[in-house]
Amino acid sequence: MAKRTDLLDKKKVLQSIKSLPDKFGVDDMVDRMIILEKLERAIADSEAGRTYTLAEAKKRLMGVLMTLARPDNSG
């Protein structure tokens, strides 16, 4: 069975929630959980060697920007 990568650590979630003010919107909490999950995934990718060099990242970014700049691109 494949290991799930979308699971969060309860201690980190509780720590994040404890840092919220006494009154907060659900969107604030959801945003924090999304950021926490993305950070955990990025750390796992980095530890597994799934990274880009600066040159590779720039090349990929330029490709995206060029695609977005095309007149026929409707967004």
C-alpha atoms as a PDB file:
ATOM      1  CA  MET A   1       0.000   0.000   0.000  1.00  0.00           C
ATOM      2  CA  ALA A   2       1.323   3.446  -0.914  1.00  0.00           C
ATOM      3  CA  LYS A   3       2.153   5.830   1.896  1.00  0.00           C
ATOM      4  CA  ARG A   4      -0.261   8.759   2.100  1.00  0.00           C
ATOM      5  CA  THR A   5       1.444  12.096   1.746  1.00  0.00           C
ATOM      6  CA  ASP A   6      -1.600  14.233   2.506  1.00  0.00           C
ATOM      7  CA  LEU A   7      -1.727  13.491   6.231  1.00  0.00           C
ATOM      8  CA  LEU A   8      -0.912  16.171   8.784  1.00  0.00           C
ATOM      9  CA  ASP A   9       0.817  15.796  12.127  1.00  0.00           C
ATOM     10  CA  LYS A  10      -1.714  16.459  14.910  1.00  0.00           C
ATOM     11  CA  LYS A  11       0.878  18.214  17.088  1.00  0.00           C
ATOM     12  CA  LYS A  12       1.717  20.653  14.294  1.00  0.00           C
ATOM     13  CA  VAL A  13      -1.967  21.269  13.590  1.00  0.00           C
ATOM     14  CA  LEU A  14      -2.689  21.961  17.260  1.00  0.00           C
ATOM     15  CA  GLN A  15       0.324  24.254  17.490  1.00  0.00           C
ATOM     16  CA  SER A  16      -0.932  26.179  14.474  1.00  0.00           C
ATOM     17  CA  ILE A  17      -4.455  26.438  15.891  1.00  0.00           C
ATOM     18  CA  LYS A  18      -3.133  27.600  19.272  1.00  0.00           C
ATOM     19  CA  SER A  19      -1.380  30.492  17.538  1.00  0.00           C
ATOM     20  CA  LEU A  20      -4.701  31.786  16.172  1.00  0.00           C
ATOM     21  CA  PRO A  21      -6.524  34.539  18.078  1.00  0.00           C
ATOM     22  CA  ASP A  22      -9.357  33.560  20.438  1.00  0.00           C
ATOM     23  CA  LYS A  23     -11.897  34.358  17.711  1.00  0.00           C
ATOM     24  CA  PHE A  24     -11.108  33.467  14.101  1.00  0.00           C
ATOM     25  CA  GLY A  25     -12.829  32.584  10.871  1.00  0.00           C
ATOM     26  CA  VAL A  26     -12.997  29.063   9.513  1.00  0.00           C
ATOM     27  CA  ASP A  27     -11.209  30.324   6.398  1.00  0.00           C
ATOM     28  CA  ASP A  28      -8.235  31.342   8.564  1.00  0.00           C
ATOM     29  CA  MET A  29      -7.959  27.838   9.999  1.00  0.00           C
ATOM     30  CA  VAL A  30      -8.404  26.152   6.618  1.00  0.00           C
ATOM     31  CA  ASP A  31      -5.764  28.435   5.086  1.00  0.00           C
ATOM     32  CA  ARG A  32      -3.306  27.436   7.816  1.00  0.00           C
ATOM     33  CA  MET A  33      -3.986  23.739   7.275  1.00  0.00           C
ATOM     34  CA  ILE A  34      -3.455  24.109   3.524  1.00  0.00           C
ATOM     35  CA  ILE A  35      -0.169  25.951   4.074  1.00  0.00           C
ATOM     36  CA  LEU A  36       0.941  23.372   6.638  1.00  0.00           C
ATOM     37  CA  GLU A  37       0.178  20.515   4.226  1.00  0.00           C
ATOM     38  CA  LYS A  38       2.029  22.236   1.386  1.00  0.00           C
ATOM     39  CA  LEU A  39       5.071  22.843   3.597  1.00  0.00           C
ATOM     40  CA  GLU A  40       5.101  19.216   4.759  1.00  0.00           C
ATOM     41  CA  ARG A  41       4.881  18.026   1.155  1.00  0.00           C
ATOM     42  CA  ALA A  42       7.674  20.396   0.077  1.00  0.00           C
ATOM     43  CA  ILE A  43       9.923  19.180   2.896  1.00  0.00           C
ATOM     44  CA  ALA A  44       9.256  15.557   1.929  1.00  0.00           C
ATOM     45  CA  ASP A  45      10.027  16.350  -1.722  1.00  0.00           C
ATOM     46  CA  SER A  46      13.272  18.044  -0.732  1.00  0.00           C
ATOM     47  CA  GLU A  47      14.339  15.159   1.498  1.00  0.00           C
ATOM     48  CA  ALA A  48      13.588  12.724  -1.346  1.00  0.00           C
ATOM     49  CA  GLY A  49      15.706  14.744  -3.761  1.00  0.00           C
ATOM     50  CA  ARG A  50      12.746  15.973  -5.799  1.00  0.00           C
ATOM     51  CA  THR A  51      14.108  19.476  -6.274  1.00  0.00           C
ATOM     52  CA  TYR A  52      15.152  21.834  -9.061  1.00  0.00           C
ATOM     53  CA  THR A  53      18.362  23.760  -9.458  1.00  0.00           C
ATOM     54  CA  LEU A  54      18.013  27.525  -9.714  1.00  0.00           C
ATOM     55  CA  ALA A  55      18.616  27.319 -13.464  1.00  0.00           C
ATOM     56  CA  GLU A  56      15.935  24.619 -13.857  1.00  0.00           C
ATOM     57  CA  ALA A  57      13.450  26.621 -11.782  1.00  0.00           C
ATOM     58  CA  LYS A  58      14.074  29.752 -13.852  1.00  0.00           C
ATOM     59  CA  LYS A  59      13.605  27.789 -17.081  1.00  0.00           C
ATOM     60  CA  ARG A  60      10.321  26.297 -15.845  1.00  0.00           C
ATOM     61  CA  LEU A  61       9.088  29.686 -14.654  1.00  0.00           C
ATOM     62  CA  MET A  62       9.926  31.297 -17.985  1.00  0.00           C
ATOM     63  CA  GLY A  63       7.964  28.572 -19.756  1.00  0.00           C
ATOM     64  CA  VAL A  64       4.913  29.271 -17.604  1.00  0.00           C
ATOM     65  CA  LEU A  65       5.243  33.026 -18.073  1.00  0.00           C
ATOM     66  CA  MET A  66       5.598  32.652 -21.843  1.00  0.00           C
ATOM     67  CA  THR A  67       2.492  30.461 -21.936  1.00  0.00           C
ATOM     68  CA  LEU A  68       0.526  33.028 -19.957  1.00  0.00           C
ATOM     69  CA  ALA A  69       1.751  35.861 -22.194  1.00  0.00           C
ATOM     70  CA  ARG A  70       0.461  34.256 -25.399  1.00  0.00           C
ATOM     71  CA  PRO A  71      -2.359  36.271 -26.999  1.00  0.00           C
ATOM     72  CA  ASP A  72      -4.445  33.112 -27.523  1.00  0.00           C
ATOM     73  CA  ASN A  73      -4.228  32.182 -23.830  1.00  0.00           C
ATOM     74  CA  SER A  74      -7.620  32.851 -22.249  1.00  0.00           C
ATOM     75  CA  GLY A  75      -6.255  32.364 -18.717  1.00  0.00           C
END
